Amino acid sequence: DGQQQAYIQQLQNPDTEIRAMAAKKVKPVGDAFYQLTDMLQKDPAPEVRIATTWALEMTDDPLAVEALVKCLQDEDPAVVVECIRSLNFLGDETTVQYLIPMLTHDDEDVRSAAADAIKSLQ
């Protein structure tokens, strides 16, 4: 689909806002899925990493859960909060073991999101 290809190309754009918009709109399948999981770990812009968490909620690929679990180590608390919310949205109760350590995170929003997700997933 031409629109999908356009979004995939925009994932590489140097402009942060364009990458974030493309991450929100691209379907997380095939190459786009792997680009999104890579961006979640490596994109320098927190807003782009956050946008990729939302995109990964739209797939049932177990690698999405794996990427979101790795994202719990992000240095930006806002990104960590979105990773927790995405894990909760995906509903995989096996991720509770990774969320429990987040209850002692330095950031209050992270602790709160983790507590909510754990309650929801158990």
N, C-alpha and C. Protein backbone atom coordinates (compact mmCIF):
# COMPACT_ATOMS: atom_id res chain seq x y z
N ASP A 1 0.84 -1.18 0.00
CA ASP A 1 0.00 0.00 0.00
C ASP A 1 0.89 1.24 0.00
N GLY A 2 0.59 2.18 -0.86
CA GLY A 2 1.42 3.36 -1.04
C GLY A 2 1.53 4.22 0.20
N GLN A 3 0.44 4.36 0.93
CA GLN A 3 0.46 5.17 2.15
C GLN A 3 1.39 4.55 3.18
N GLN A 4 1.34 3.25 3.32
CA GLN A 4 2.21 2.53 4.26
C GLN A 4 3.68 2.78 3.90
N GLN A 5 3.99 2.70 2.61
CA GLN A 5 5.36 2.94 2.17
C GLN A 5 5.80 4.37 2.49
N ALA A 6 4.90 5.32 2.32
CA ALA A 6 5.23 6.72 2.63
C ALA A 6 5.54 6.86 4.13
N TYR A 7 4.75 6.22 4.97
CA TYR A 7 4.99 6.30 6.42
C TYR A 7 6.32 5.63 6.77
N ILE A 8 6.60 4.50 6.13
CA ILE A 8 7.88 3.81 6.40
C ILE A 8 9.05 4.72 6.05
N GLN A 9 8.96 5.42 4.92
CA GLN A 9 10.03 6.35 4.54
C GLN A 9 10.14 7.49 5.55
N GLN A 10 9.00 7.97 6.04
CA GLN A 10 9.01 9.09 6.98
C GLN A 10 9.59 8.71 8.34
N LEU A 11 9.64 7.41 8.64
CA LEU A 11 10.26 6.96 9.91
C LEU A 11 11.74 7.34 9.95
N GLN A 12 12.34 7.57 8.78
CA GLN A 12 13.76 7.92 8.69
C GLN A 12 13.99 9.43 8.60
N ASN A 13 12.93 10.20 8.60
CA ASN A 13 13.04 11.65 8.42
C ASN A 13 13.84 12.28 9.56
N PRO A 14 14.70 13.25 9.26
CA PRO A 14 15.47 13.90 10.33
C PRO A 14 14.59 14.74 11.28
N ASP A 15 13.38 15.12 10.84
CA ASP A 15 12.49 15.93 11.65
C ASP A 15 11.76 15.05 12.68
N THR A 16 11.93 15.39 13.95
CA THR A 16 11.33 14.61 15.05
C THR A 16 9.82 14.49 14.91
N GLU A 17 9.14 15.60 14.61
CA GLU A 17 7.68 15.57 14.52
C GLU A 17 7.20 14.66 13.39
N ILE A 18 7.91 14.65 12.28
CA ILE A 18 7.52 13.80 11.15
C ILE A 18 7.72 12.33 11.52
N ARG A 19 8.86 12.00 12.18
CA ARG A 19 9.08 10.61 12.61
C ARG A 19 7.99 10.16 13.59
N ALA A 20 7.65 11.03 14.54
CA ALA A 20 6.63 10.67 15.53
C ALA A 20 5.28 10.46 14.86
N MET A 21 4.91 11.35 13.93
CA MET A 21 3.64 11.20 13.22
C MET A 21 3.62 9.90 12.42
N ALA A 22 4.72 9.61 11.73
CA ALA A 22 4.78 8.39 10.93
C ALA A 22 4.69 7.15 11.82
N ALA A 23 5.32 7.20 12.99
CA ALA A 23 5.27 6.06 13.91
C ALA A 23 3.84 5.81 14.39
N LYS A 24 3.07 6.87 14.56
CA LYS A 24 1.67 6.72 15.00
C LYS A 24 0.79 6.15 13.89
N LYS A 25 1.15 6.40 12.63
CA LYS A 25 0.25 6.04 11.53
C LYS A 25 0.64 4.76 10.79
N VAL A 26 1.89 4.37 10.87
CA VAL A 26 2.33 3.20 10.12
C VAL A 26 1.74 1.93 10.75
N LYS A 27 1.40 0.97 9.91
CA LYS A 27 0.94 -0.33 10.43
C LYS A 27 2.16 -1.12 10.86
N PRO A 28 2.16 -1.66 12.08
CA PRO A 28 3.35 -2.37 12.59
C PRO A 28 3.45 -3.79 12.04
N VAL A 29 3.72 -3.88 10.74
CA VAL A 29 3.87 -5.19 10.09
C VAL A 29 5.14 -5.18 9.24
N GLY A 30 5.73 -6.34 9.07
CA GLY A 30 6.90 -6.48 8.20
C GLY A 30 8.04 -5.58 8.61
N ASP A 31 8.65 -4.92 7.62
CA ASP A 31 9.79 -4.04 7.88
C ASP A 31 9.43 -2.91 8.84
N ALA A 32 8.21 -2.41 8.74
CA ALA A 32 7.80 -1.30 9.62
C ALA A 32 7.84 -1.74 11.08
N PHE A 33 7.42 -2.97 11.35
CA PHE A 33 7.46 -3.48 12.72
C PHE A 33 8.89 -3.46 13.26
N TYR A 34 9.82 -3.95 12.47
CA TYR A 34 11.21 -4.00 12.93
C TYR A 34 11.82 -2.61 13.06
N GLN A 35 11.42 -1.69 12.18
CA GLN A 35 11.88 -0.31 12.32
C GLN A 35 11.35 0.30 13.62
N LEU A 36 10.09 0.04 13.92
CA LEU A 36 9.49 0.59 15.14
C LEU A 36 10.18 0.06 16.40
N THR A 37 10.43 -1.25 16.44
CA THR A 37 11.08 -1.80 17.63
C THR A 37 12.50 -1.26 17.76
N ASP A 38 13.16 -1.04 16.64
CA ASP A 38 14.50 -0.45 16.66
C ASP A 38 14.45 1.00 17.14
N MET A 39 13.49 1.75 16.63
CA MET A 39 13.34 3.15 17.02
C MET A 39 13.02 3.27 18.51
N LEU A 40 12.25 2.33 19.03
CA LEU A 40 11.90 2.36 20.45
C LEU A 40 13.15 2.33 21.32
N GLN A 41 14.16 1.63 20.86
CA GLN A 41 15.41 1.53 21.62
C GLN A 41 16.38 2.67 21.31
N LYS A 42 16.38 3.16 20.07
CA LYS A 42 17.50 3.99 19.62
C LYS A 42 17.17 5.41 19.20
N ASP A 43 15.90 5.74 18.97
CA ASP A 43 15.62 7.09 18.49
C ASP A 43 16.00 8.10 19.56
N PRO A 44 16.71 9.18 19.17
CA PRO A 44 17.16 10.16 20.17
C PRO A 44 16.03 10.98 20.78
N ALA A 45 14.86 11.03 20.13
CA ALA A 45 13.77 11.89 20.60
C ALA A 45 12.76 11.10 21.44
N PRO A 46 12.56 11.50 22.70
CA PRO A 46 11.59 10.80 23.54
C PRO A 46 10.18 10.76 22.93
N GLU A 47 9.78 11.84 22.26
CA GLU A 47 8.43 11.85 21.69
C GLU A 47 8.28 10.81 20.58
N VAL A 48 9.35 10.51 19.88
CA VAL A 48 9.31 9.46 18.86
C VAL A 48 9.25 8.09 19.53
N ARG A 49 10.04 7.91 20.58
CA ARG A 49 9.99 6.62 21.30
C ARG A 49 8.60 6.39 21.88
N ILE A 50 7.96 7.45 22.39
CA ILE A 50 6.60 7.33 22.91
C ILE A 50 5.64 6.93 21.78
N ALA A 51 5.74 7.57 20.64
CA ALA A 51 4.86 7.26 19.50
C ALA A 51 5.02 5.80 19.08
N THR A 52 6.23 5.27 19.16
CA THR A 52 6.42 3.87 18.76
C THR A 52 5.73 2.93 19.75
N THR A 53 5.64 3.31 21.03
CA THR A 53 4.93 2.44 21.99
C THR A 53 3.47 2.31 21.58
N TRP A 54 2.88 3.42 21.15
CA TRP A 54 1.47 3.38 20.74
C TRP A 54 1.29 2.50 19.51
N ALA A 55 2.21 2.59 18.57
CA ALA A 55 2.12 1.78 17.36
C ALA A 55 2.23 0.30 17.68
N LEU A 56 3.11 -0.03 18.64
CA LEU A 56 3.32 -1.44 18.96
C LEU A 56 2.13 -2.06 19.70
N GLU A 57 1.22 -1.23 20.19
CA GLU A 57 -0.01 -1.76 20.79
C GLU A 57 -0.92 -2.39 19.73
N MET A 58 -0.66 -2.08 18.46
CA MET A 58 -1.53 -2.52 17.38
C MET A 58 -1.07 -3.83 16.74
N THR A 59 -0.25 -4.58 17.44
CA THR A 59 0.21 -5.85 16.90
C THR A 59 0.12 -6.91 17.98
N ASP A 60 0.00 -8.15 17.55
CA ASP A 60 0.02 -9.25 18.53
C ASP A 60 1.34 -10.02 18.46
N ASP A 61 2.33 -9.43 17.82
CA ASP A 61 3.65 -10.06 17.72
C ASP A 61 4.31 -10.06 19.10
N PRO A 62 4.72 -11.24 19.58
CA PRO A 62 5.36 -11.31 20.91
C PRO A 62 6.63 -10.46 21.00
N LEU A 63 7.25 -10.16 19.86
CA LEU A 63 8.44 -9.30 19.88
C LEU A 63 8.10 -7.87 20.29
N ALA A 64 6.85 -7.48 20.12
CA ALA A 64 6.42 -6.15 20.57
C ALA A 64 6.51 -6.08 22.09
N VAL A 65 6.03 -7.14 22.75
CA VAL A 65 6.10 -7.20 24.22
C VAL A 65 7.56 -7.17 24.65
N GLU A 66 8.39 -7.94 23.97
CA GLU A 66 9.82 -7.98 24.29
C GLU A 66 10.45 -6.58 24.16
N ALA A 67 10.13 -5.88 23.09
CA ALA A 67 10.67 -4.53 22.88
C ALA A 67 10.18 -3.57 23.96
N LEU A 68 8.91 -3.70 24.34
CA LEU A 68 8.36 -2.82 25.37
C LEU A 68 8.96 -3.11 26.74
N VAL A 69 9.27 -4.37 27.01
CA VAL A 69 9.94 -4.71 28.28
C VAL A 69 11.33 -4.07 28.31
N LYS A 70 12.07 -4.14 27.20
CA LYS A 70 13.39 -3.51 27.14
C LYS A 70 13.27 -2.00 27.35
N CYS A 71 12.19 -1.44 26.86
CA CYS A 71 11.94 0.00 26.95
C CYS A 71 11.78 0.47 28.41
N LEU A 72 11.52 -0.45 29.31
CA LEU A 72 11.39 -0.08 30.73
C LEU A 72 12.71 0.49 31.28
N GLN A 73 13.80 0.27 30.55
CA GLN A 73 15.11 0.79 30.97
C GLN A 73 15.42 2.16 30.36
N ASP A 74 14.46 2.73 29.62
CA ASP A 74 14.69 4.03 28.98
C ASP A 74 15.05 5.08 30.04
N GLU A 75 15.92 6.03 29.67
CA GLU A 75 16.34 7.04 30.63
C GLU A 75 15.27 8.12 30.85
N ASP A 76 14.29 8.20 29.96
CA ASP A 76 13.24 9.22 30.08
C ASP A 76 12.01 8.62 30.76
N PRO A 77 11.65 9.12 31.95
CA PRO A 77 10.51 8.55 32.67
C PRO A 77 9.20 8.59 31.88
N ALA A 78 9.00 9.62 31.06
CA ALA A 78 7.78 9.70 30.25
C ALA A 78 7.70 8.54 29.27
N VAL A 79 8.83 8.13 28.72
CA VAL A 79 8.87 6.99 27.80
C VAL A 79 8.57 5.71 28.58
N VAL A 80 9.14 5.57 29.75
CA VAL A 80 8.91 4.38 30.58
C VAL A 80 7.42 4.26 30.92
N VAL A 81 6.79 5.38 31.28
CA VAL A 81 5.36 5.37 31.59
C VAL A 81 4.57 4.85 30.40
N GLU A 82 4.88 5.33 29.20
CA GLU A 82 4.15 4.88 28.01
C GLU A 82 4.42 3.40 27.70
N CYS A 83 5.63 2.94 27.97
CA CYS A 83 5.93 1.52 27.78
C CYS A 83 5.08 0.68 28.72
N ILE A 84 4.97 1.13 29.96
CA ILE A 84 4.15 0.41 30.95
C ILE A 84 2.70 0.39 30.50
N ARG A 85 2.20 1.53 30.06
CA ARG A 85 0.79 1.60 29.61
C ARG A 85 0.56 0.69 28.41
N SER A 86 1.52 0.63 27.50
CA SER A 86 1.38 -0.24 26.33
C SER A 86 1.41 -1.71 26.73
N LEU A 87 2.29 -2.05 27.67
CA LEU A 87 2.31 -3.44 28.16
C LEU A 87 0.97 -3.79 28.80
N ASN A 88 0.43 -2.87 29.57
CA ASN A 88 -0.87 -3.09 30.19
C ASN A 88 -1.94 -3.27 29.12
N PHE A 89 -1.92 -2.42 28.09
CA PHE A 89 -2.89 -2.49 27.00
C PHE A 89 -2.83 -3.85 26.30
N LEU A 90 -1.62 -4.35 26.09
CA LEU A 90 -1.45 -5.64 25.41
C LEU A 90 -1.93 -6.80 26.27
N GLY A 91 -1.98 -6.60 27.59
CA GLY A 91 -2.61 -7.58 28.48
C GLY A 91 -1.84 -8.86 28.73
N ASP A 92 -0.54 -8.85 28.52
CA ASP A 92 0.27 -10.06 28.74
C ASP A 92 0.67 -10.11 30.21
N GLU A 93 0.00 -10.99 30.97
CA GLU A 93 0.24 -11.05 32.42
C GLU A 93 1.66 -11.51 32.78
N THR A 94 2.37 -12.09 31.84
CA THR A 94 3.75 -12.51 32.14
C THR A 94 4.67 -11.30 32.32
N THR A 95 4.23 -10.12 31.90
CA THR A 95 5.08 -8.94 32.03
C THR A 95 5.07 -8.35 33.44
N VAL A 96 4.19 -8.85 34.30
CA VAL A 96 4.13 -8.33 35.68
C VAL A 96 5.50 -8.44 36.34
N GLN A 97 6.21 -9.53 36.09
CA GLN A 97 7.54 -9.71 36.70
C GLN A 97 8.50 -8.57 36.35
N TYR A 98 8.32 -7.96 35.19
CA TYR A 98 9.18 -6.85 34.78
C TYR A 98 8.66 -5.51 35.32
N LEU A 99 7.37 -5.48 35.63
CA LEU A 99 6.76 -4.25 36.14
C LEU A 99 6.99 -4.08 37.64
N ILE A 100 7.10 -5.15 38.37
CA ILE A 100 7.29 -5.07 39.82
C ILE A 100 8.49 -4.20 40.20
N PRO A 101 9.66 -4.35 39.56
CA PRO A 101 10.78 -3.47 39.92
C PRO A 101 10.50 -1.98 39.66
N MET A 102 9.55 -1.68 38.78
CA MET A 102 9.21 -0.29 38.48
C MET A 102 8.51 0.38 39.66
N LEU A 103 8.04 -0.42 40.62
CA LEU A 103 7.37 0.15 41.80
C LEU A 103 8.32 0.94 42.69
N THR A 104 9.63 0.75 42.50
CA THR A 104 10.63 1.49 43.28
C THR A 104 11.41 2.47 42.41
N HIS A 105 10.89 2.76 41.21
CA HIS A 105 11.54 3.70 40.29
C HIS A 105 11.60 5.08 40.95
N ASP A 106 12.59 5.88 40.57
CA ASP A 106 12.76 7.24 41.11
C ASP A 106 11.58 8.14 40.77
N ASP A 107 10.93 7.90 39.64
CA ASP A 107 9.88 8.79 39.16
C ASP A 107 8.50 8.33 39.66
N GLU A 108 7.75 9.25 40.24
CA GLU A 108 6.43 8.94 40.80
C GLU A 108 5.45 8.46 39.73
N ASP A 109 5.49 9.08 38.54
CA ASP A 109 4.58 8.67 37.46
C ASP A 109 4.85 7.23 37.02
N VAL A 110 6.12 6.86 36.99
CA VAL A 110 6.49 5.48 36.64
C VAL A 110 5.94 4.52 37.70
N ARG A 111 6.15 4.86 38.97
CA ARG A 111 5.65 3.99 40.06
C ARG A 111 4.13 3.83 39.98
N SER A 112 3.45 4.93 39.73
CA SER A 112 1.99 4.90 39.65
C SER A 112 1.50 4.07 38.46
N ALA A 113 2.11 4.27 37.30
CA ALA A 113 1.73 3.50 36.10
C ALA A 113 1.98 2.01 36.31
N ALA A 114 3.11 1.69 36.96
CA ALA A 114 3.43 0.29 37.23
C ALA A 114 2.40 -0.33 38.17
N ALA A 115 2.04 0.39 39.22
CA ALA A 115 1.05 -0.13 40.17
C ALA A 115 -0.29 -0.38 39.47
N ASP A 116 -0.71 0.57 38.64
CA ASP A 116 -1.97 0.41 37.90
C ASP A 116 -1.92 -0.78 36.96
N ALA A 117 -0.80 -0.92 36.25
CA ALA A 117 -0.67 -2.03 35.28
C ALA A 117 -0.65 -3.38 36.00
N ILE A 118 0.07 -3.45 37.08
CA ILE A 118 0.16 -4.71 37.83
C ILE A 118 -1.23 -5.11 38.32
N LYS A 119 -1.97 -4.15 38.87
CA LYS A 119 -3.31 -4.42 39.37
C LYS A 119 -4.21 -4.92 38.23
N SER A 120 -4.08 -4.29 37.08
CA SER A 120 -4.90 -4.63 35.92
C SER A 120 -4.54 -6.00 35.35
N LEU A 121 -3.25 -6.34 35.36
CA LEU A 121 -2.79 -7.57 34.71
C LEU A 121 -2.92 -8.82 35.59
N GLN A 122 -3.06 -8.62 36.89
CA GLN A 122 -3.12 -9.80 37.77
C GLN A 122 -4.52 -10.35 37.89
